[in-house]
Amino acid sequence: MAITAEWRSYGEFDVVLILEDGVVKEALTADAEVLHDFLAVLLPNVAAWEGDHPVEGDRLNPAAWGTLIMSRDTSGDITDMDPELFWAGIGIWFRSHGVDYNTPRPQATHAD
């Protein structure tokens, strides 16, 4: 069973998907907390993350969730990335607020 996570641009918002063997299992609205955990925390516990979007029908296919920004496996290795979209996302979600994705947070909510 291969678990991976993807950050995708989905219309007016971004999502982080949890995939099992290439099939979407959970879809979380991307916010600073979710993206921090996706980018800066090792991902062995992503299988426990719970999404806030229904996943059924065509949404089982990750491509249905928009343009891929970055994907990682549970070891933390980056498996695919669009550099332009990645740095644009970092600017929007973090640097415009005076922090960066690896700025420590008091408590991790998704990777505990």
C-alpha atoms as a PDB file:
ATOM      1  CA  MET A   1       0.000   0.000   0.000  1.00  0.00           C
ATOM      2  CA  ALA A   2       1.664   3.216  -1.192  1.00  0.00           C
ATOM      3  CA  ILE A   3       0.509   6.384   0.598  1.00  0.00           C
ATOM      4  CA  THR A   4       1.352   9.748  -0.977  1.00  0.00           C
ATOM      5  CA  ALA A   5       0.208  13.327  -0.505  1.00  0.00           C
ATOM      6  CA  GLU A   6      -0.347  16.015  -3.129  1.00  0.00           C
ATOM      7  CA  TRP A   7      -0.810  19.775  -3.022  1.00  0.00           C
ATOM      8  CA  ARG A   8      -3.083  20.872  -5.861  1.00  0.00           C
ATOM      9  CA  SER A   9      -4.570  24.140  -7.081  1.00  0.00           C
ATOM     10  CA  TYR A  10      -8.322  23.599  -7.321  1.00  0.00           C
ATOM     11  CA  GLY A  11     -10.111  26.634  -8.730  1.00  0.00           C
ATOM     12  CA  GLU A  12     -10.374  29.318  -6.086  1.00  0.00           C
ATOM     13  CA  PHE A  13      -8.695  27.263  -3.382  1.00  0.00           C
ATOM     14  CA  ASP A  14      -5.900  24.753  -2.915  1.00  0.00           C
ATOM     15  CA  VAL A  15      -6.247  21.226  -1.565  1.00  0.00           C
ATOM     16  CA  VAL A  16      -3.975  18.630  -0.054  1.00  0.00           C
ATOM     17  CA  LEU A  17      -4.909  15.115  -1.102  1.00  0.00           C
ATOM     18  CA  ILE A  18      -4.018  11.878   0.617  1.00  0.00           C
ATOM     19  CA  LEU A  19      -3.733   9.049  -1.907  1.00  0.00           C
ATOM     20  CA  GLU A  20      -3.510   5.319  -1.411  1.00  0.00           C
ATOM     21  CA  ASP A  21      -2.109   3.493  -4.439  1.00  0.00           C
ATOM     22  CA  GLY A  22      -2.970   6.526  -6.598  1.00  0.00           C
ATOM     23  CA  VAL A  23      -6.612   6.806  -5.435  1.00  0.00           C
ATOM     24  CA  VAL A  24      -7.757   9.840  -3.433  1.00  0.00           C
ATOM     25  CA  LYS A  25      -8.748   8.843   0.104  1.00  0.00           C
ATOM     26  CA  GLU A  26      -8.948  12.282   1.775  1.00  0.00           C
ATOM     27  CA  ALA A  27      -9.113  15.872   0.522  1.00  0.00           C
ATOM     28  CA  LEU A  28      -8.276  18.744   2.867  1.00  0.00           C
ATOM     29  CA  THR A  29      -8.746  22.424   2.151  1.00  0.00           C
ATOM     30  CA  ALA A  30      -5.230  23.822   2.104  1.00  0.00           C
ATOM     31  CA  ASP A  31      -4.574  26.486   4.690  1.00  0.00           C
ATOM     32  CA  ALA A  32      -1.354  27.566   6.387  1.00  0.00           C
ATOM     33  CA  GLU A  33      -1.556  24.755   8.992  1.00  0.00           C
ATOM     34  CA  VAL A  34      -2.223  21.981   6.486  1.00  0.00           C
ATOM     35  CA  LEU A  35       0.466  23.238   4.101  1.00  0.00           C
ATOM     36  CA  HIS A  36       2.968  23.629   6.940  1.00  0.00           C
ATOM     37  CA  ASP A  37       2.455  19.990   7.876  1.00  0.00           C
ATOM     38  CA  PHE A  38       2.584  18.892   4.239  1.00  0.00           C
ATOM     39  CA  LEU A  39       5.821  20.816   3.570  1.00  0.00           C
ATOM     40  CA  ALA A  40       7.764  20.784   6.833  1.00  0.00           C
ATOM     41  CA  VAL A  41       6.703  17.702   8.772  1.00  0.00           C
ATOM     42  CA  LEU A  42       7.673  14.168   7.829  1.00  0.00           C
ATOM     43  CA  LEU A  43       4.574  12.449   6.550  1.00  0.00           C
ATOM     44  CA  PRO A  44       4.350   8.972   8.089  1.00  0.00           C
ATOM     45  CA  ASN A  45       1.023   9.825   9.717  1.00  0.00           C
ATOM     46  CA  VAL A  46      -0.822  11.310   6.726  1.00  0.00           C
ATOM     47  CA  ALA A  47      -3.032   8.230   6.531  1.00  0.00           C
ATOM     48  CA  ALA A  48      -4.665   9.513   9.728  1.00  0.00           C
ATOM     49  CA  TRP A  49      -5.458  12.958   8.272  1.00  0.00           C
ATOM     50  CA  GLU A  50      -9.173  13.605   7.818  1.00  0.00           C
ATOM     51  CA  GLY A  51     -10.430  15.663   4.910  1.00  0.00           C
ATOM     52  CA  ASP A  52     -13.222  18.194   4.722  1.00  0.00           C
ATOM     53  CA  HIS A  53     -14.333  17.468   1.126  1.00  0.00           C
ATOM     54  CA  PRO A  54     -16.347  14.482  -0.083  1.00  0.00           C
ATOM     55  CA  VAL A  55     -14.341  12.016  -2.145  1.00  0.00           C
ATOM     56  CA  GLU A  56     -16.443   9.956  -4.533  1.00  0.00           C
ATOM     57  CA  GLY A  57     -16.957   9.340  -8.243  1.00  0.00           C
ATOM     58  CA  ASP A  58     -14.508  11.248 -10.430  1.00  0.00           C
ATOM     59  CA  ARG A  59     -12.953  12.834  -7.314  1.00  0.00           C
ATOM     60  CA  LEU A  60     -11.228   9.518  -6.598  1.00  0.00           C
ATOM     61  CA  ASN A  61      -8.884  10.534  -9.436  1.00  0.00           C
ATOM     62  CA  PRO A  62      -6.330  13.121  -8.242  1.00  0.00           C
ATOM     63  CA  ALA A  63      -6.414  14.957 -11.602  1.00  0.00           C
ATOM     64  CA  ALA A  64     -10.052  15.897 -10.897  1.00  0.00           C
ATOM     65  CA  TRP A  65      -8.758  18.132  -8.078  1.00  0.00           C
ATOM     66  CA  GLY A  66      -6.858  20.528 -10.335  1.00  0.00           C
ATOM     67  CA  THR A  67      -3.262  21.276 -11.198  1.00  0.00           C
ATOM     68  CA  LEU A  68      -0.511  19.463  -9.308  1.00  0.00           C
ATOM     69  CA  ILE A  69       1.775  21.788  -7.384  1.00  0.00           C
ATOM     70  CA  MET A  70       3.811  19.198  -5.474  1.00  0.00           C
ATOM     71  CA  SER A  71       3.639  15.572  -4.362  1.00  0.00           C
ATOM     72  CA  ARG A  72       5.494  13.764  -1.580  1.00  0.00           C
ATOM     73  CA  ASP A  73       5.745  10.226  -0.349  1.00  0.00           C
ATOM     74  CA  THR A  74       5.615   9.306   3.333  1.00  0.00           C
ATOM     75  CA  SER A  75       9.404   9.396   3.623  1.00  0.00           C
ATOM     76  CA  GLY A  76       9.181  13.102   2.789  1.00  0.00           C
ATOM     77  CA  ASP A  77      10.740  12.765  -0.657  1.00  0.00           C
ATOM     78  CA  ILE A  78       9.338  15.076  -3.314  1.00  0.00           C
ATOM     79  CA  THR A  79       8.083  12.928  -6.171  1.00  0.00           C
ATOM     80  CA  ASP A  80       6.857  15.708  -8.493  1.00  0.00           C
ATOM     81  CA  MET A  81       6.749  19.510  -8.396  1.00  0.00           C
ATOM     82  CA  ASP A  82       5.927  22.502 -10.571  1.00  0.00           C
ATOM     83  CA  PRO A  83       8.524  25.039  -9.337  1.00  0.00           C
ATOM     84  CA  GLU A  84       6.622  28.118 -10.524  1.00  0.00           C
ATOM     85  CA  LEU A  85       3.379  27.073  -8.846  1.00  0.00           C
ATOM     86  CA  PHE A  86       5.258  25.981  -5.718  1.00  0.00           C
ATOM     87  CA  TRP A  87       7.011  29.324  -5.189  1.00  0.00           C
ATOM     88  CA  ALA A  88       3.855  31.265  -6.053  1.00  0.00           C
ATOM     89  CA  GLY A  89       2.016  29.231  -3.403  1.00  0.00           C
ATOM     90  CA  ILE A  90       4.762  29.827  -0.827  1.00  0.00           C
ATOM     91  CA  GLY A  91       4.471  33.547  -1.501  1.00  0.00           C
ATOM     92  CA  ILE A  92       0.689  33.541  -1.120  1.00  0.00           C
ATOM     93  CA  TRP A  93       0.411  31.267   1.916  1.00  0.00           C
ATOM     94  CA  PHE A  94       3.483  32.204   3.933  1.00  0.00           C
ATOM     95  CA  ARG A  95       5.850  34.980   2.871  1.00  0.00           C
ATOM     96  CA  SER A  96       3.046  37.496   2.358  1.00  0.00           C
ATOM     97  CA  HIS A  97       2.327  36.964   6.089  1.00  0.00           C
ATOM     98  CA  GLY A  98       5.967  37.408   7.146  1.00  0.00           C
ATOM     99  CA  VAL A  99       6.631  33.730   7.846  1.00  0.00           C
ATOM    100  CA  ASP A 100       7.840  30.736   5.879  1.00  0.00           C
ATOM    101  CA  TYR A 101       6.498  27.212   5.565  1.00  0.00           C
ATOM    102  CA  ASN A 102       9.111  25.873   7.982  1.00  0.00           C
ATOM    103  CA  THR A 103       8.451  28.479  10.688  1.00  0.00           C
ATOM    104  CA  PRO A 104       7.800  26.460  13.841  1.00  0.00           C
ATOM    105  CA  ARG A 105       4.224  26.241  15.042  1.00  0.00           C
ATOM    106  CA  PRO A 106       3.254  25.761  18.669  1.00  0.00           C
ATOM    107  CA  GLN A 107       1.457  22.464  17.964  1.00  0.00           C
ATOM    108  CA  ALA A 108       0.986  20.286  14.877  1.00  0.00           C
ATOM    109  CA  THR A 109      -2.635  19.307  14.334  1.00  0.00           C
ATOM    110  CA  HIS A 110      -2.439  16.937  11.358  1.00  0.00           C
ATOM    111  CA  ALA A 111       0.803  15.061  11.907  1.00  0.00           C
ATOM    112  CA  ASP A 112       0.549  14.296  15.626  1.00  0.00           C
END
